[in-house]
């Protein structure tokens, strides 16, 4: 077993809060990604290293690796390695102390309790005590970040969280299929009706005034109803585009608690 190794499936914006917390507290964190991540809040996703080679968020770096024998060097340098491994096959070789499913696909893509002594999943699509040891509640509200030891997280409502009085209005889904060509970038101030991007010649418009908090990567092939952008109506919160969100930090704290408490119960040595 690789000492203090935690594998996190998914390097999107919500998972990145957990990755940051675990890394800062001394765990060796390996992020597993798919070949073409479809993150919207790309500036706060450690998994973006798949495209850029390296990613830095609030002073912490992640770096794409090709081979498992690169991880020890990354850990020595306190860099978070990101490996393309959609099925988490490396768990059979590395034997982590814990595995966190942070894909947030609202369904289980193969995570099971046999992957590590401690298994944790974020959000709906998993049953604690069956699929994984612990499920973390991801729904905003009173129970956000709650550790669930039996049962499931709340069912996804499909309605984004309320920010500045806006919910579904602030999230943009593609009406077309094709390659997206971005006109605006994350962090831009936009007005309702501004052209954000084009998909096969079809224009995509801003739904409200605000800050473009998230935008899918330029050149990504999108399908109809695919989530492609997120606008924050609070124009004075521009800096938030580049820092981990309150929700992600809350969930990250819950993951850290789940890992440490479970390791102690199982008698694992911490650092």
Protein backbone atom coordinates (compact mmCIF):
# COMPACT_ATOMS: atom_id res chain seq x y z
CA UNK A 1 0.00 0.00 0.00
CA UNK A 2 1.32 3.43 -0.99
CA UNK A 3 1.62 5.42 2.23
CA UNK A 4 -0.89 8.27 2.57
CA UNK A 5 -1.90 8.05 -1.09
CA UNK A 6 -5.40 9.23 -1.92
CA UNK A 7 -6.69 8.80 -5.45
CA UNK A 8 -9.35 11.22 -6.65
CA UNK A 9 -11.40 10.35 -9.69
CA UNK A 10 -12.15 13.61 -11.48
CA UNK A 11 -10.39 16.97 -11.35
CA UNK A 12 -13.31 19.34 -11.88
CA UNK A 13 -14.11 22.44 -9.82
CA UNK A 14 -15.96 20.63 -7.02
CA UNK A 15 -13.42 17.82 -6.74
CA UNK A 16 -10.61 20.39 -6.70
CA UNK A 17 -11.71 21.65 -3.27
CA UNK A 18 -11.15 18.14 -1.91
CA UNK A 19 -7.87 17.77 -3.78
CA UNK A 20 -6.61 21.04 -2.29
CA UNK A 21 -7.61 20.14 1.29
CA UNK A 22 -6.04 16.67 1.14
CA UNK A 23 -2.85 18.02 -0.44
CA UNK A 24 -2.47 20.83 2.10
CA UNK A 25 -2.89 18.39 4.97
CA UNK A 26 -0.04 16.20 3.79
CA UNK A 27 -1.67 13.47 1.73
CA UNK A 28 -0.17 12.41 -1.59
CA UNK A 29 -3.00 13.02 -4.04
CA UNK A 30 -3.23 11.47 -7.51
CA UNK A 31 -5.96 12.79 -9.81
CA UNK A 32 -7.45 10.52 -12.46
CA UNK A 33 -9.09 12.08 -15.50
CA UNK A 34 -10.68 11.21 -18.82
CA UNK A 35 -8.98 12.06 -22.11
CA UNK A 36 -11.19 15.09 -22.78
CA UNK A 37 -12.52 16.67 -19.58
CA UNK A 38 -15.54 18.91 -20.12
CA UNK A 39 -15.06 21.28 -17.19
CA UNK A 40 -16.82 24.65 -17.28
CA UNK A 41 -15.03 26.45 -14.41
CA UNK A 42 -11.68 25.55 -15.99
CA UNK A 43 -9.62 28.10 -14.06
CA UNK A 44 -10.23 26.22 -10.81
CA UNK A 45 -9.90 22.64 -12.06
CA UNK A 46 -6.72 20.69 -11.36
CA UNK A 47 -7.80 18.29 -14.09
CA UNK A 48 -7.19 21.02 -16.70
CA UNK A 49 -3.57 19.88 -16.67
CA UNK A 50 -4.74 17.23 -19.16
CA UNK A 51 -4.89 20.03 -21.74
CA UNK A 52 -2.33 22.53 -20.50
CA UNK A 53 0.33 20.22 -19.09
CA UNK A 54 0.34 22.17 -15.83
CA UNK A 55 -2.31 23.94 -13.78
CA UNK A 56 -1.91 26.21 -10.77
CA UNK A 57 -4.73 27.14 -8.42
CA UNK A 58 -4.10 29.34 -5.39
CA UNK A 59 -0.42 28.45 -5.35
CA UNK A 60 -0.84 24.69 -5.72
CA UNK A 61 0.29 23.05 -8.96
CA UNK A 62 -0.92 19.98 -10.79
CA UNK A 63 0.94 18.38 -13.67
CA UNK A 64 -0.06 15.84 -16.29
CA UNK A 65 1.91 12.58 -16.21
CA UNK A 66 1.98 9.69 -18.65
CA UNK A 67 3.41 6.93 -16.47
CA UNK A 68 2.88 5.81 -12.89
CA UNK A 69 6.58 5.82 -12.14
CA UNK A 70 6.45 9.62 -12.34
CA UNK A 71 4.27 10.05 -9.26
CA UNK A 72 6.97 9.80 -6.59
CA UNK A 73 8.91 12.67 -8.14
CA UNK A 74 5.71 14.74 -8.22
CA UNK A 75 5.01 13.99 -4.58
CA UNK A 76 8.54 14.95 -3.58
CA UNK A 77 8.05 18.29 -5.34
CA UNK A 78 4.59 18.67 -3.75
CA UNK A 79 2.97 18.76 -7.15
CA UNK A 80 -0.34 16.98 -7.81
CA UNK A 81 0.02 14.43 -10.63
CA UNK A 82 -2.87 14.08 -13.09
CA UNK A 83 -3.13 10.79 -14.98
CA UNK A 84 -5.51 9.84 -17.78
CA UNK A 85 -7.14 6.71 -16.39
CA UNK A 86 -10.94 6.81 -16.91
CA UNK A 87 -11.54 3.38 -15.35
CA UNK A 88 -9.19 3.90 -12.38
CA UNK A 89 -7.20 0.82 -13.35
CA UNK A 90 -4.11 2.11 -11.51
CA UNK A 91 -5.77 1.44 -8.14
CA UNK A 92 -4.89 -2.24 -8.59
CA UNK A 93 -1.21 -1.32 -8.81
CA UNK A 94 -0.94 1.56 -6.35
CA UNK A 95 -3.21 0.33 -3.54
CA UNK A 96 -4.19 3.76 -2.15
CA UNK A 97 -5.36 4.18 1.44
CA UNK A 98 -8.43 6.02 0.14
CA UNK A 99 -10.27 6.70 -3.09
CA UNK A 100 -12.61 9.63 -3.70
CA UNK A 101 -15.05 9.62 -6.60
CA UNK A 102 -15.35 13.30 -7.48
CA UNK A 103 -16.66 12.89 -11.02
CA UNK A 104 -20.12 14.21 -10.06
CA UNK A 105 -21.79 12.47 -12.97
CA UNK A 106 -24.84 11.66 -10.83
CA UNK A 107 -24.16 8.01 -11.63
CA UNK A 108 -21.47 5.51 -10.74
CA UNK A 109 -18.78 4.86 -13.34
CA UNK A 110 -17.35 1.80 -11.67
CA UNK A 111 -16.25 2.99 -8.24
CA UNK A 112 -16.55 0.21 -5.65
CA UNK A 113 -15.46 -0.55 -2.09
CA UNK A 114 -12.77 -2.95 -3.29
CA UNK A 115 -10.70 -0.11 -4.77
CA UNK A 116 -9.31 1.09 -1.43
CA UNK A 117 -9.71 0.55 2.33
CA UNK A 118 -11.62 3.87 2.45
CA UNK A 119 -13.97 4.80 -0.40
CA UNK A 120 -15.87 8.08 -0.66
CA UNK A 121 -18.19 9.50 -3.31
CA UNK A 122 -19.49 13.00 -3.88
CA UNK A 123 -23.18 13.51 -4.51
CA UNK A 124 -26.00 11.36 -5.88
CA UNK A 125 -25.56 8.11 -7.80
CA UNK A 126 -24.00 6.13 -4.94
CA UNK A 127 -25.27 4.22 -1.91
CA UNK A 128 -23.15 4.48 1.23
CA UNK A 129 -22.49 1.07 2.73
CA UNK A 130 -22.95 -0.58 -0.65
CA UNK A 131 -21.06 1.21 -3.46
CA UNK A 132 -18.74 3.17 -1.17
CA UNK A 133 -18.14 3.59 2.54
CA UNK A 134 -19.23 7.23 2.72
CA UNK A 135 -21.25 9.55 0.49
CA UNK A 136 -20.83 13.32 0.82
CA UNK A 137 -23.89 15.52 0.39
CA UNK A 138 -23.32 18.06 -2.41
CA UNK A 139 -26.69 19.81 -2.46
CA UNK A 140 -26.52 23.42 -1.29
CA UNK A 141 -28.39 24.03 1.94
CA UNK A 142 -28.37 22.85 5.54
CA UNK A 143 -26.89 19.43 4.76
CA UNK A 144 -24.11 20.50 2.39
CA UNK A 145 -20.98 18.53 3.28
CA UNK A 146 -22.78 16.05 5.54
CA UNK A 147 -21.19 12.59 5.76
CA UNK A 148 -23.66 9.83 4.88
CA UNK A 149 -22.78 6.36 6.16
CA UNK A 150 -26.00 4.64 5.04
CA UNK A 151 -28.10 5.56 2.04
CA UNK A 152 -27.78 8.16 -0.67
CA UNK A 153 -27.28 11.88 -1.18
CA UNK A 154 -30.23 14.07 -2.13
CA UNK A 155 -31.49 13.63 -5.70
CA UNK A 156 -30.27 16.28 -8.09
CA UNK A 157 -32.99 18.86 -8.78
CA UNK A 158 -31.48 20.06 -12.05
CA UNK A 159 -31.77 23.64 -10.79
CA UNK A 160 -28.45 25.46 -10.23
CA UNK A 161 -27.83 27.17 -6.89
CA UNK A 162 -29.22 30.66 -6.36
CA UNK A 163 -26.63 33.38 -6.93
CA UNK A 164 -27.75 36.99 -6.84
CA UNK A 165 -31.37 35.94 -7.33
CA UNK A 166 -30.65 33.85 -10.43
CA UNK A 167 -30.72 30.06 -10.72
CA UNK A 168 -31.29 28.33 -14.09
CA UNK A 169 -30.98 31.68 -15.92
CA UNK A 170 -27.26 31.91 -15.20
CA UNK A 171 -26.34 28.54 -16.74
CA UNK A 172 -26.17 28.21 -20.52
CA UNK A 173 -26.74 24.96 -22.41
CA UNK A 174 -25.98 24.45 -26.07
CA UNK A 175 -28.86 24.57 -28.52
CA UNK A 176 -26.61 23.18 -31.24
CA UNK A 177 -24.16 20.39 -31.95
CA UNK A 178 -20.66 21.05 -33.19
CA UNK A 179 -17.29 22.57 -32.34
CA UNK A 180 -17.48 25.60 -30.10
CA UNK A 181 -15.43 28.70 -30.89
CA UNK A 182 -15.26 31.01 -27.89
CA UNK A 183 -15.45 34.76 -28.29
CA UNK A 184 -15.39 35.67 -24.61
CA UNK A 185 -13.08 34.29 -21.93
CA UNK A 186 -13.59 33.33 -18.30
CA UNK A 187 -13.52 36.47 -16.18
CA UNK A 188 -15.00 38.76 -18.86
CA UNK A 189 -17.82 41.12 -17.91
CA UNK A 190 -20.74 40.46 -20.25
CA UNK A 191 -24.22 41.83 -20.85
CA UNK A 192 -27.37 39.92 -21.69
CA UNK A 193 -27.40 39.31 -25.43
CA UNK A 194 -23.64 39.50 -25.92
CA UNK A 195 -22.25 36.81 -28.22
CA UNK A 196 -20.23 34.44 -26.03
CA UNK A 197 -19.31 31.87 -28.66
CA UNK A 198 -20.28 30.27 -31.95
CA UNK A 199 -21.12 26.63 -32.56
CA UNK A 200 -20.95 25.71 -36.21
CA UNK A 201 -21.72 29.29 -37.13
CA UNK A 202 -24.61 29.55 -34.68
CA UNK A 203 -24.27 32.29 -32.08
CA UNK A 204 -24.48 31.63 -28.33
CA UNK A 205 -25.73 34.60 -26.31
CA UNK A 206 -25.25 35.67 -22.70
CA UNK A 207 -28.45 34.96 -20.77
CA UNK A 208 -27.93 37.66 -18.09
CA UNK A 209 -25.55 40.49 -17.21
CA UNK A 210 -22.57 39.48 -15.10
CA UNK A 211 -19.15 37.85 -15.00
CA UNK A 212 -18.44 34.86 -17.23
CA UNK A 213 -17.48 32.47 -14.42
CA UNK A 214 -17.21 29.36 -16.53
CA UNK A 215 -16.85 28.51 -20.22
CA UNK A 216 -16.14 25.18 -21.85
CA UNK A 217 -12.79 24.92 -23.60
CA UNK A 218 -12.50 26.49 -27.05
CA UNK A 219 -12.62 23.83 -29.77
CA UNK A 220 -14.59 21.34 -27.68
CA UNK A 221 -17.20 19.31 -29.57
CA UNK A 222 -20.55 19.85 -27.84
CA UNK A 223 -23.92 18.23 -28.30
CA UNK A 224 -27.38 19.73 -27.83
CA UNK A 225 -28.29 20.47 -24.19
CA UNK A 226 -24.62 20.25 -23.19
CA UNK A 227 -23.67 22.69 -20.42
CA UNK A 228 -21.25 25.22 -21.91
CA UNK A 229 -21.18 28.36 -19.74
CA UNK A 230 -21.95 29.84 -16.33
CA UNK A 231 -22.53 33.55 -15.59
CA UNK A 232 -22.25 35.07 -12.11
CA UNK A 233 -24.56 38.12 -11.86
CA UNK A 234 -22.29 39.70 -9.21
CA UNK A 235 -19.95 41.80 -11.35
CA UNK A 236 -17.81 42.75 -8.35
CA UNK A 237 -16.98 39.08 -7.75
CA UNK A 238 -14.73 38.77 -10.80
CA UNK A 239 -11.85 37.35 -8.74
CA UNK A 240 -14.05 34.39 -7.79
CA UNK A 241 -13.56 33.01 -11.29
CA UNK A 242 -10.03 32.09 -10.29
CA UNK A 243 -10.48 30.78 -6.73
CA UNK A 244 -12.08 27.65 -5.31
CA UNK A 245 -15.74 28.17 -4.43
CA UNK A 246 -17.39 28.08 -1.02
CA UNK A 247 -19.28 24.93 -2.00
CA UNK A 248 -16.13 23.19 -3.16
CA UNK A 249 -14.28 24.11 0.05
CA UNK A 250 -17.16 22.88 2.20
CA UNK A 251 -17.23 19.54 0.41
CA UNK A 252 -13.42 19.40 0.59
CA UNK A 253 -13.54 19.75 4.37
CA UNK A 254 -16.06 16.92 4.54
CA UNK A 255 -13.85 14.68 2.40
CA UNK A 256 -10.85 15.42 4.61
CA UNK A 257 -12.89 14.52 7.70
CA UNK A 258 -14.13 11.33 6.06
CA UNK A 259 -10.63 10.20 5.07
CA UNK A 260 -8.94 10.94 8.39
CA UNK A 261 -11.72 9.58 10.62
CA UNK A 262 -12.01 6.40 8.54
CA UNK A 263 -8.25 5.85 8.53
CA UNK A 264 -8.10 6.22 12.31
CA UNK A 265 -10.96 3.74 12.78
CA UNK A 266 -9.15 1.25 10.59
CA UNK A 267 -5.89 1.71 12.48
CA UNK A 268 -3.88 3.34 9.67
CA UNK A 269 -0.88 5.45 10.59
CA UNK A 270 -1.30 9.10 9.68
CA UNK A 271 1.97 10.58 8.41
